[in-house]
């Protein structure tokens, strides 16, 4: 049986998991703008695409914090 991680690591993993979720749900009303355009895309679309592409990095870092890796 694996030992339980310290609470600080557990809290960090929860925080890392919550950041992309918050960026894609809670922050949407705050970034709901057409201007500025990024690469010709409205800002809200560029924001969503960026976070969809960044989410695997957050999940990877959560996996690296797990001790059995």
N, C-alpha and C. Protein backbone atom coordinates (compact mmCIF):
# COMPACT_ATOMS: atom_id res chain seq x y z
N UNK A 1 0.84 -1.17 0.00
CA UNK A 1 0.00 0.00 0.00
C UNK A 1 0.89 1.24 0.00
N UNK A 2 0.47 2.24 -0.79
CA UNK A 2 1.25 3.46 -0.90
C UNK A 2 1.01 4.36 0.30
N UNK A 3 2.07 5.05 0.74
CA UNK A 3 1.85 6.02 1.84
C UNK A 3 1.07 7.22 1.33
N UNK A 4 0.33 7.84 2.23
CA UNK A 4 -0.43 9.02 1.83
C UNK A 4 0.51 10.21 1.71
N UNK A 5 0.30 11.05 0.70
CA UNK A 5 1.18 12.21 0.52
C UNK A 5 0.92 13.25 1.60
N UNK A 6 1.90 14.09 1.85
CA UNK A 6 1.68 15.18 2.81
C UNK A 6 0.55 16.08 2.34
N UNK A 7 -0.09 16.74 3.28
CA UNK A 7 -1.25 17.57 2.93
C UNK A 7 -0.86 18.73 2.01
N UNK A 8 0.39 19.21 2.09
CA UNK A 8 0.80 20.30 1.21
C UNK A 8 0.84 19.84 -0.25
N UNK A 9 1.30 18.61 -0.48
CA UNK A 9 1.33 18.08 -1.85
C UNK A 9 -0.09 17.84 -2.33
N UNK A 10 -0.94 17.34 -1.45
CA UNK A 10 -2.33 17.11 -1.83
C UNK A 10 -3.01 18.42 -2.18
N UNK A 11 -2.77 19.46 -1.39
CA UNK A 11 -3.36 20.77 -1.67
C UNK A 11 -2.85 21.35 -2.98
N UNK A 12 -1.56 21.13 -3.26
CA UNK A 12 -0.99 21.63 -4.51
C UNK A 12 -1.60 20.90 -5.70
N UNK A 13 -1.81 19.59 -5.56
CA UNK A 13 -2.44 18.84 -6.66
C UNK A 13 -3.86 19.32 -6.91
N UNK A 14 -4.60 19.58 -5.85
CA UNK A 14 -5.96 20.08 -6.01
C UNK A 14 -5.95 21.46 -6.66
N UNK A 15 -5.02 22.31 -6.25
CA UNK A 15 -4.91 23.64 -6.85
C UNK A 15 -4.55 23.55 -8.33
N UNK A 16 -3.59 22.68 -8.67
CA UNK A 16 -3.21 22.53 -10.08
C UNK A 16 -4.36 21.97 -10.91
N UNK A 17 -5.20 21.15 -10.33
CA UNK A 17 -6.36 20.62 -11.06
C UNK A 17 -7.45 21.67 -11.21
N UNK A 18 -7.54 22.57 -10.23
CA UNK A 18 -8.60 23.57 -10.25
C UNK A 18 -8.31 24.74 -11.19
N UNK A 19 -7.06 25.02 -11.46
CA UNK A 19 -6.71 26.18 -12.28
C UNK A 19 -7.31 26.09 -13.69
N UNK A 20 -7.10 24.99 -14.44
CA UNK A 20 -7.71 24.95 -15.78
C UNK A 20 -9.24 24.96 -15.75
N UNK A 21 -9.81 24.31 -14.75
CA UNK A 21 -11.27 24.29 -14.64
C UNK A 21 -11.79 25.70 -14.42
N UNK A 22 -11.15 26.43 -13.53
CA UNK A 22 -11.57 27.81 -13.26
C UNK A 22 -11.35 28.69 -14.49
N UNK A 23 -10.24 28.49 -15.18
CA UNK A 23 -9.96 29.32 -16.36
C UNK A 23 -10.96 29.08 -17.48
N UNK A 24 -11.46 27.86 -17.58
CA UNK A 24 -12.40 27.56 -18.66
C UNK A 24 -13.86 27.75 -18.28
N UNK A 25 -14.16 27.95 -17.00
CA UNK A 25 -15.56 28.12 -16.60
C UNK A 25 -15.79 29.44 -15.89
N UNK A 26 -15.10 29.66 -14.80
CA UNK A 26 -15.36 30.84 -13.97
C UNK A 26 -14.87 32.12 -14.64
N UNK A 27 -13.74 32.05 -15.31
CA UNK A 27 -13.14 33.26 -15.89
C UNK A 27 -13.77 33.68 -17.22
N UNK A 28 -14.59 32.84 -17.80
CA UNK A 28 -15.15 33.15 -19.13
C UNK A 28 -15.94 34.47 -19.14
N UNK A 29 -16.79 34.76 -18.16
CA UNK A 29 -17.49 36.05 -18.21
C UNK A 29 -16.54 37.26 -18.16
N UNK A 30 -15.38 37.10 -17.56
CA UNK A 30 -14.44 38.21 -17.46
C UNK A 30 -13.63 38.42 -18.74
N UNK A 31 -13.50 37.39 -19.56
CA UNK A 31 -12.72 37.50 -20.80
C UNK A 31 -13.61 37.48 -22.04
N UNK A 32 -14.91 37.61 -21.85
CA UNK A 32 -15.86 37.55 -22.95
C UNK A 32 -15.83 38.85 -23.75
N UNK A 33 -14.82 38.93 -24.62
CA UNK A 33 -14.63 40.11 -25.46
C UNK A 33 -14.27 39.66 -26.88
N UNK A 34 -14.59 40.49 -27.82
CA UNK A 34 -14.17 40.22 -29.20
C UNK A 34 -12.79 40.81 -29.44
N UNK A 35 -12.57 42.02 -28.93
CA UNK A 35 -11.28 42.69 -29.07
C UNK A 35 -10.49 42.52 -27.79
N UNK A 36 -9.23 42.35 -27.78
CA UNK A 36 -8.30 42.32 -28.91
C UNK A 36 -8.39 40.99 -29.64
N UNK A 37 -8.01 41.03 -30.87
CA UNK A 37 -7.96 39.79 -31.66
C UNK A 37 -6.55 39.23 -31.57
N UNK A 38 -6.47 37.93 -31.41
CA UNK A 38 -5.18 37.25 -31.32
C UNK A 38 -5.11 36.28 -32.50
N UNK A 39 -4.17 36.53 -33.39
CA UNK A 39 -4.03 35.75 -34.63
C UNK A 39 -5.34 35.73 -35.42
N UNK A 40 -6.07 36.83 -35.36
CA UNK A 40 -7.32 36.94 -36.09
C UNK A 40 -8.52 36.31 -35.40
N UNK A 41 -8.30 35.71 -34.22
CA UNK A 41 -9.39 35.09 -33.48
C UNK A 41 -9.90 36.03 -32.40
N UNK A 42 -11.20 36.01 -32.13
CA UNK A 42 -11.69 36.79 -31.00
C UNK A 42 -11.01 36.33 -29.70
N UNK A 43 -10.87 37.25 -28.76
CA UNK A 43 -10.13 36.96 -27.53
C UNK A 43 -10.68 35.75 -26.79
N UNK A 44 -12.00 35.63 -26.70
CA UNK A 44 -12.60 34.52 -25.96
C UNK A 44 -12.23 33.17 -26.58
N UNK A 45 -12.18 33.11 -27.90
CA UNK A 45 -11.80 31.87 -28.58
C UNK A 45 -10.33 31.57 -28.38
N UNK A 46 -9.48 32.59 -28.47
CA UNK A 46 -8.06 32.39 -28.23
C UNK A 46 -7.81 31.96 -26.79
N UNK A 47 -8.55 32.53 -25.84
CA UNK A 47 -8.45 32.16 -24.42
C UNK A 47 -8.79 30.68 -24.25
N UNK A 48 -9.89 30.25 -24.83
CA UNK A 48 -10.32 28.85 -24.70
C UNK A 48 -9.31 27.89 -25.32
N UNK A 49 -8.83 28.22 -26.50
CA UNK A 49 -7.85 27.37 -27.17
C UNK A 49 -6.56 27.28 -26.36
N UNK A 50 -6.12 28.41 -25.83
CA UNK A 50 -4.89 28.42 -25.03
C UNK A 50 -5.04 27.53 -23.80
N UNK A 51 -6.16 27.61 -23.12
CA UNK A 51 -6.33 26.79 -21.91
C UNK A 51 -6.53 25.32 -22.23
N UNK A 52 -7.16 25.01 -23.34
CA UNK A 52 -7.27 23.61 -23.74
C UNK A 52 -5.88 23.04 -24.03
N UNK A 53 -5.01 23.87 -24.60
CA UNK A 53 -3.65 23.40 -24.88
C UNK A 53 -2.78 23.39 -23.63
N UNK A 54 -3.05 24.22 -22.64
CA UNK A 54 -2.27 24.25 -21.41
C UNK A 54 -2.69 23.20 -20.38
N UNK A 55 -3.93 22.73 -20.46
CA UNK A 55 -4.43 21.78 -19.48
C UNK A 55 -3.58 20.52 -19.36
N UNK A 56 -3.09 19.90 -20.44
CA UNK A 56 -2.24 18.72 -20.27
C UNK A 56 -0.97 19.00 -19.47
N UNK A 57 -0.43 20.20 -19.54
CA UNK A 57 0.75 20.53 -18.74
C UNK A 57 0.41 20.52 -17.25
N UNK A 58 -0.77 20.99 -16.89
CA UNK A 58 -1.19 20.96 -15.49
C UNK A 58 -1.40 19.51 -15.04
N UNK A 59 -2.03 18.71 -15.88
CA UNK A 59 -2.25 17.31 -15.51
C UNK A 59 -0.93 16.56 -15.41
N UNK A 60 0.01 16.86 -16.29
CA UNK A 60 1.34 16.24 -16.23
C UNK A 60 2.04 16.60 -14.92
N UNK A 61 1.94 17.87 -14.53
CA UNK A 61 2.60 18.27 -13.28
C UNK A 61 1.95 17.63 -12.06
N UNK A 62 0.65 17.38 -12.11
CA UNK A 62 -0.01 16.66 -11.02
C UNK A 62 0.53 15.24 -10.96
N UNK A 63 0.70 14.62 -12.12
CA UNK A 63 1.26 13.27 -12.15
C UNK A 63 2.68 13.22 -11.65
N UNK A 64 3.47 14.24 -11.93
CA UNK A 64 4.86 14.28 -11.45
C UNK A 64 4.93 14.44 -9.94
N UNK A 65 3.92 15.06 -9.34
CA UNK A 65 3.89 15.21 -7.89
C UNK A 65 3.53 13.90 -7.18
N UNK A 66 2.95 12.97 -7.91
CA UNK A 66 2.60 11.68 -7.32
C UNK A 66 3.89 10.90 -7.06
N UNK A 67 4.04 10.32 -5.90
CA UNK A 67 5.30 9.70 -5.49
C UNK A 67 5.63 8.41 -6.24
N UNK A 68 4.67 7.71 -6.77
CA UNK A 68 5.00 6.42 -7.39
C UNK A 68 5.59 6.57 -8.79
N UNK A 69 5.74 7.81 -9.31
CA UNK A 69 6.33 8.02 -10.62
C UNK A 69 7.80 8.00 -10.48
